Amino acid sequence: MQHPKLSLILGGAASGKSSFAEKLVIQTGLPRSYLATAQAFDDDMREKIKLHQQDRGQNWATTEVPIDLPEALEAQPKDNIVLIDCLTLWLTNLMLADHDCDKAAQALFSAIQTRNTPVIAVSNEVGHSVIPETSLGRRFQRLQGRLNAQMAAEADLAVMVIAGLPQVLKGALPEGSS
């Protein structure tokens, strides 16, 4: 079974979604690109990024891309499968830098559509959360929910990872990926 053109891997914080997405990428056997959206503003985040790098190992063409994700996706080698980790941090970065989030999302969808090789995007599911106390938090939750819904609508495969276990929401997992 061929890998879907666009896969969305959702989950809560520390659910195993990134590890699962990395396994999906590796099993294709294609050259791989990793678009990392995290920024290390404190020691905890620096440690989290370091652990992610150690866990995924080598053989990834990694691009640190906190804001210009559509452009970075377009710049990836045409034969590479691309892992975007993660849309949640990308959206946060856009919001904090006062970018037009809807315009950026549309640019990302356009960049995904132009690729001939698969794209796997990781994102946090925020719909199970409580309503945030602040207007910024509520705006983020609304925008993240909309981005996830748009991504899921476009995706051929949507998976929710809970406690490291993939639950298919849409499509079918490629053989050997459960």
C-alpha atoms as a PDB file:
ATOM      1  CA  MET A   1       0.000   0.000   0.000  1.00  0.00           C
ATOM      2  CA  GLN A   2       1.343   3.401  -0.968  1.00  0.00           C
ATOM      3  CA  HIS A   3       1.654   6.075   1.713  1.00  0.00           C
ATOM      4  CA  PRO A   4      -1.074   8.758   1.682  1.00  0.00           C
ATOM      5  CA  LYS A   5      -0.160  12.122   0.161  1.00  0.00           C
ATOM      6  CA  LEU A   6      -1.154  14.007   3.328  1.00  0.00           C
ATOM      7  CA  SER A   7      -1.371  12.521   6.811  1.00  0.00           C
ATOM      8  CA  LEU A   8      -2.386  14.358   9.962  1.00  0.00           C
ATOM      9  CA  ILE A   9      -1.196  12.918  13.271  1.00  0.00           C
ATOM     10  CA  LEU A  10      -3.054  14.376  16.245  1.00  0.00           C
ATOM     11  CA  GLY A  11      -2.661  13.835  19.960  1.00  0.00           C
ATOM     12  CA  GLY A  12      -2.305  15.487  23.306  1.00  0.00           C
ATOM     13  CA  ALA A  13       0.949  16.638  24.830  1.00  0.00           C
ATOM     14  CA  ALA A  14       3.415  13.736  25.247  1.00  0.00           C
ATOM     15  CA  SER A  15       0.960  11.292  23.636  1.00  0.00           C
ATOM     16  CA  GLY A  16       3.516   9.683  21.313  1.00  0.00           C
ATOM     17  CA  LYS A  17       2.304  11.474  18.187  1.00  0.00           C
ATOM     18  CA  SER A  18       5.775  12.591  17.056  1.00  0.00           C
ATOM     19  CA  SER A  19       7.277   9.134  17.505  1.00  0.00           C
ATOM     20  CA  PHE A  20       4.411   7.573  15.583  1.00  0.00           C
ATOM     21  CA  ALA A  21       4.770  10.128  12.765  1.00  0.00           C
ATOM     22  CA  GLU A  22       8.516   9.482  12.574  1.00  0.00           C
ATOM     23  CA  LYS A  23       7.873   5.729  12.231  1.00  0.00           C
ATOM     24  CA  LEU A  24       5.446   6.395   9.378  1.00  0.00           C
ATOM     25  CA  VAL A  25       8.086   8.457   7.603  1.00  0.00           C
ATOM     26  CA  ILE A  26      10.879   5.919   8.114  1.00  0.00           C
ATOM     27  CA  GLN A  27       8.805   2.976   6.889  1.00  0.00           C
ATOM     28  CA  THR A  28       8.401   4.602   3.455  1.00  0.00           C
ATOM     29  CA  GLY A  29      12.118   4.175   2.764  1.00  0.00           C
ATOM     30  CA  LEU A  30      12.132   7.581   1.063  1.00  0.00           C
ATOM     31  CA  PRO A  31      14.722  10.255   1.775  1.00  0.00           C
ATOM     32  CA  ARG A  32      13.281  12.342   4.577  1.00  0.00           C
ATOM     33  CA  SER A  33      12.990  15.950   5.613  1.00  0.00           C
ATOM     34  CA  TYR A  34      12.052  17.185   9.076  1.00  0.00           C
ATOM     35  CA  LEU A  35      10.572  20.678   9.397  1.00  0.00           C
ATOM     36  CA  ALA A  36      10.916  21.626  13.069  1.00  0.00           C
ATOM     37  CA  THR A  37       8.792  24.537  14.260  1.00  0.00           C
ATOM     38  CA  ALA A  38       9.846  24.673  17.935  1.00  0.00           C
ATOM     39  CA  GLN A  39      11.806  27.560  19.364  1.00  0.00           C
ATOM     40  CA  ALA A  40      13.943  27.090  22.468  1.00  0.00           C
ATOM     41  CA  PHE A  41      13.135  30.042  24.702  1.00  0.00           C
ATOM     42  CA  ASP A  42      13.959  28.264  27.964  1.00  0.00           C
ATOM     43  CA  ASP A  43      15.927  25.329  29.351  1.00  0.00           C
ATOM     44  CA  ASP A  44      12.909  22.993  29.396  1.00  0.00           C
ATOM     45  CA  MET A  45      12.245  23.552  25.696  1.00  0.00           C
ATOM     46  CA  ARG A  46      15.935  23.202  24.829  1.00  0.00           C
ATOM     47  CA  GLU A  47      15.923  19.828  26.606  1.00  0.00           C
ATOM     48  CA  LYS A  48      12.714  18.729  24.856  1.00  0.00           C
ATOM     49  CA  ILE A  49      14.172  19.621  21.448  1.00  0.00           C
ATOM     50  CA  LYS A  50      17.415  17.793  22.292  1.00  0.00           C
ATOM     51  CA  LEU A  51      15.471  14.647  23.276  1.00  0.00           C
ATOM     52  CA  HIS A  52      13.407  14.790  20.072  1.00  0.00           C
ATOM     53  CA  GLN A  53      16.618  15.044  18.026  1.00  0.00           C
ATOM     54  CA  GLN A  54      18.183  12.094  19.863  1.00  0.00           C
ATOM     55  CA  ASP A  55      15.027   9.974  19.542  1.00  0.00           C
ATOM     56  CA  ARG A  56      14.658  10.444  15.800  1.00  0.00           C
ATOM     57  CA  GLY A  57      18.333   9.823  15.092  1.00  0.00           C
ATOM     58  CA  GLN A  58      20.239  10.750  11.974  1.00  0.00           C
ATOM     59  CA  ASN A  59      19.359  10.530   8.274  1.00  0.00           C
ATOM     60  CA  TRP A  60      16.963  13.464   8.410  1.00  0.00           C
ATOM     61  CA  ALA A  61      17.413  16.703   6.481  1.00  0.00           C
ATOM     62  CA  THR A  62      16.285  19.015   9.294  1.00  0.00           C
ATOM     63  CA  THR A  63      15.174  22.608   8.800  1.00  0.00           C
ATOM     64  CA  GLU A  64      14.369  24.819  11.778  1.00  0.00           C
ATOM     65  CA  VAL A  65      11.369  26.816  10.615  1.00  0.00           C
ATOM     66  CA  PRO A  66       9.379  28.630  13.320  1.00  0.00           C
ATOM     67  CA  ILE A  67       7.451  30.929  10.927  1.00  0.00           C
ATOM     68  CA  ASP A  68       8.065  30.406   7.188  1.00  0.00           C
ATOM     69  CA  LEU A  69       6.727  26.857   6.981  1.00  0.00           C
ATOM     70  CA  PRO A  70       5.126  27.052   3.496  1.00  0.00           C
ATOM     71  CA  GLU A  71       8.340  28.395   1.996  1.00  0.00           C
ATOM     72  CA  ALA A  72      10.441  25.768   3.785  1.00  0.00           C
ATOM     73  CA  LEU A  73       8.130  23.001   2.531  1.00  0.00           C
ATOM     74  CA  GLU A  74       8.446  24.239  -1.039  1.00  0.00           C
ATOM     75  CA  ALA A  75      12.255  24.287  -0.670  1.00  0.00           C
ATOM     76  CA  GLN A  76      12.523  20.601   0.336  1.00  0.00           C
ATOM     77  CA  PRO A  77      14.039  18.164  -2.156  1.00  0.00           C
ATOM     78  CA  LYS A  78      11.278  16.925  -4.478  1.00  0.00           C
ATOM     79  CA  ASP A  79      11.908  13.237  -3.664  1.00  0.00           C
ATOM     80  CA  ASN A  80      11.830  13.648   0.129  1.00  0.00           C
ATOM     81  CA  ILE A  81       8.901  12.689   2.319  1.00  0.00           C
ATOM     82  CA  VAL A  82       8.361  15.602   4.703  1.00  0.00           C
ATOM     83  CA  LEU A  83       7.480  15.537   8.395  1.00  0.00           C
ATOM     84  CA  ILE A  84       6.165  18.788   9.885  1.00  0.00           C
ATOM     85  CA  ASP A  85       6.489  18.789  13.674  1.00  0.00           C
ATOM     86  CA  CYS A  86       4.436  20.567  14.732  1.00  0.00           C
ATOM     87  CA  LEU A  87       1.568  22.715  13.511  1.00  0.00           C
ATOM     88  CA  THR A  88       0.700  23.739  17.071  1.00  0.00           C
ATOM     89  CA  LEU A  89       4.037  25.414  17.714  1.00  0.00           C
ATOM     90  CA  TRP A  90       3.978  26.934  14.216  1.00  0.00           C
ATOM     91  CA  LEU A  91       0.569  28.499  14.900  1.00  0.00           C
ATOM     92  CA  THR A  92       1.781  29.776  18.272  1.00  0.00           C
ATOM     93  CA  ASN A  93       4.823  31.348  16.620  1.00  0.00           C
ATOM     94  CA  LEU A  94       2.626  33.005  13.980  1.00  0.00           C
ATOM     95  CA  MET A  95       0.262  34.392  16.597  1.00  0.00           C
ATOM     96  CA  LEU A  96       3.017  35.754  18.827  1.00  0.00           C
ATOM     97  CA  ALA A  97       4.692  37.398  15.815  1.00  0.00           C
ATOM     98  CA  ASP A  98       1.313  38.929  14.830  1.00  0.00           C
ATOM     99  CA  HIS A  99       1.098  37.187  11.438  1.00  0.00           C
ATOM    100  CA  ASP A 100      -2.126  36.531   9.533  1.00  0.00           C
ATOM    101  CA  CYS A 101      -2.703  32.913  10.593  1.00  0.00           C
ATOM    102  CA  ASP A 102      -5.433  32.204   8.029  1.00  0.00           C
ATOM    103  CA  LYS A 103      -3.273  33.493   5.173  1.00  0.00           C
ATOM    104  CA  ALA A 104      -0.315  31.412   6.403  1.00  0.00           C
ATOM    105  CA  ALA A 105      -2.495  28.293   6.643  1.00  0.00           C
ATOM    106  CA  GLN A 106      -3.720  28.751   3.074  1.00  0.00           C
ATOM    107  CA  ALA A 107      -0.115  29.148   1.895  1.00  0.00           C
ATOM    108  CA  LEU A 108       0.744  25.901   3.697  1.00  0.00           C
ATOM    109  CA  PHE A 109      -2.142  24.032   2.030  1.00  0.00           C
ATOM    110  CA  SER A 110      -0.983  25.334  -1.365  1.00  0.00           C
ATOM    111  CA  ALA A 111       2.583  24.178  -0.677  1.00  0.00           C
ATOM    112  CA  ILE A 112       1.334  20.724   0.354  1.00  0.00           C
ATOM    113  CA  GLN A 113      -0.749  20.390  -2.827  1.00  0.00           C
ATOM    114  CA  THR A 114       2.262  21.087  -5.046  1.00  0.00           C
ATOM    115  CA  ARG A 115       4.321  18.212  -3.583  1.00  0.00           C
ATOM    116  CA  ASN A 116       4.446  14.836  -5.290  1.00  0.00           C
ATOM    117  CA  THR A 117       5.774  13.026  -2.217  1.00  0.00           C
ATOM    118  CA  PRO A 118       3.928  12.505   1.074  1.00  0.00           C
ATOM    119  CA  VAL A 119       3.677  15.086   3.821  1.00  0.00           C
ATOM    120  CA  ILE A 120       2.992  14.086   7.423  1.00  0.00           C
ATOM    121  CA  ALA A 121       1.919  16.841   9.800  1.00  0.00           C
ATOM    122  CA  VAL A 122       1.844  16.555  13.591  1.00  0.00           C
ATOM    123  CA  SER A 123      -0.525  18.698  15.650  1.00  0.00           C
ATOM    124  CA  ASN A 124      -1.955  18.879  19.155  1.00  0.00           C
ATOM    125  CA  GLU A 125      -5.645  18.183  19.578  1.00  0.00           C
ATOM    126  CA  VAL A 126      -6.995  21.097  21.593  1.00  0.00           C
ATOM    127  CA  GLY A 127     -10.694  20.206  21.479  1.00  0.00           C
ATOM    128  CA  HIS A 128     -10.498  18.134  24.656  1.00  0.00           C
ATOM    129  CA  SER A 129      -9.165  21.057  26.670  1.00  0.00           C
ATOM    130  CA  VAL A 130     -11.041  23.394  28.942  1.00  0.00           C
ATOM    131  CA  ILE A 131     -11.925  26.820  27.567  1.00  0.00           C
ATOM    132  CA  PRO A 132      -8.873  29.015  28.201  1.00  0.00           C
ATOM    133  CA  GLU A 133      -9.144  31.845  30.706  1.00  0.00           C
ATOM    134  CA  THR A 134      -7.521  34.510  28.505  1.00  0.00           C
ATOM    135  CA  SER A 135      -8.646  35.963  25.188  1.00  0.00           C
ATOM    136  CA  LEU A 136      -5.265  34.999  23.662  1.00  0.00           C
ATOM    137  CA  GLY A 137      -5.771  31.414  24.845  1.00  0.00           C
ATOM    138  CA  ARG A 138      -9.309  31.301  23.450  1.00  0.00           C
ATOM    139  CA  ARG A 139      -8.120  32.757  20.134  1.00  0.00           C
ATOM    140  CA  PHE A 140      -5.350  30.157  19.950  1.00  0.00           C
ATOM    141  CA  GLN A 141      -7.764  27.300  20.705  1.00  0.00           C
ATOM    142  CA  ARG A 142     -10.184  28.552  18.051  1.00  0.00           C
ATOM    143  CA  LEU A 143      -7.447  28.952  15.412  1.00  0.00           C
ATOM    144  CA  GLN A 144      -5.833  25.595  16.276  1.00  0.00           C
ATOM    145  CA  GLY A 145      -9.178  23.828  16.093  1.00  0.00           C
ATOM    146  CA  ARG A 146      -9.878  25.402  12.705  1.00  0.00           C
ATOM    147  CA  LEU A 147      -6.392  24.558  11.376  1.00  0.00           C
ATOM    148  CA  ASN A 148      -6.739  20.949  12.556  1.00  0.00           C
ATOM    149  CA  ALA A 149     -10.197  20.649  10.995  1.00  0.00           C
ATOM    150  CA  GLN A 150      -8.976  22.064   7.676  1.00  0.00           C
ATOM    151  CA  MET A 151      -5.942  19.785   7.723  1.00  0.00           C
ATOM    152  CA  ALA A 152      -8.103  16.739   8.524  1.00  0.00           C
ATOM    153  CA  ALA A 153     -10.480  17.616   5.678  1.00  0.00           C
ATOM    154  CA  GLU A 154      -7.545  17.762   3.231  1.00  0.00           C
ATOM    155  CA  ALA A 155      -5.765  14.704   4.631  1.00  0.00           C
ATOM    156  CA  ASP A 156      -6.017  11.219   3.198  1.00  0.00           C
ATOM    157  CA  LEU A 157      -5.101   9.821   6.625  1.00  0.00           C
ATOM    158  CA  ALA A 158      -5.938  11.270  10.035  1.00  0.00           C
ATOM    159  CA  VAL A 159      -4.784   9.495  13.186  1.00  0.00           C
ATOM    160  CA  MET A 160      -5.272  10.336  16.857  1.00  0.00           C
ATOM    161  CA  VAL A 161      -2.488   8.993  19.072  1.00  0.00           C
ATOM    162  CA  ILE A 162      -3.539   8.279  22.647  1.00  0.00           C
ATOM    163  CA  ALA A 163      -0.978   6.847  25.099  1.00  0.00           C
ATOM    164  CA  GLY A 164       1.174   5.859  22.140  1.00  0.00           C
ATOM    165  CA  LEU A 165      -1.662   3.966  20.438  1.00  0.00           C
ATOM    166  CA  PRO A 166      -2.773   5.145  16.984  1.00  0.00           C
ATOM    167  CA  GLN A 167      -6.521   5.442  16.447  1.00  0.00           C
ATOM    168  CA  VAL A 168      -7.430   5.941  12.774  1.00  0.00           C
ATOM    169  CA  LEU A 169     -10.005   8.690  12.285  1.00  0.00           C
ATOM    170  CA  LYS A 170      -9.904   8.811   8.472  1.00  0.00           C
ATOM    171  CA  GLY A 171      -8.309   6.630   5.799  1.00  0.00           C
ATOM    172  CA  ALA A 172      -6.197   3.550   6.424  1.00  0.00           C
ATOM    173  CA  LEU A 173      -2.731   3.070   7.871  1.00  0.00           C
ATOM    174  CA  PRO A 174      -0.084   1.851   5.458  1.00  0.00           C
ATOM    175  CA  GLU A 175       0.789  -1.809   5.998  1.00  0.00           C
ATOM    176  CA  GLY A 176       3.112  -2.451   8.937  1.00  0.00           C
ATOM    177  CA  SER A 177       2.532   0.893  10.652  1.00  0.00           C
ATOM    178  CA  SER A 178       0.229   0.031  13.538  1.00  0.00           C
END
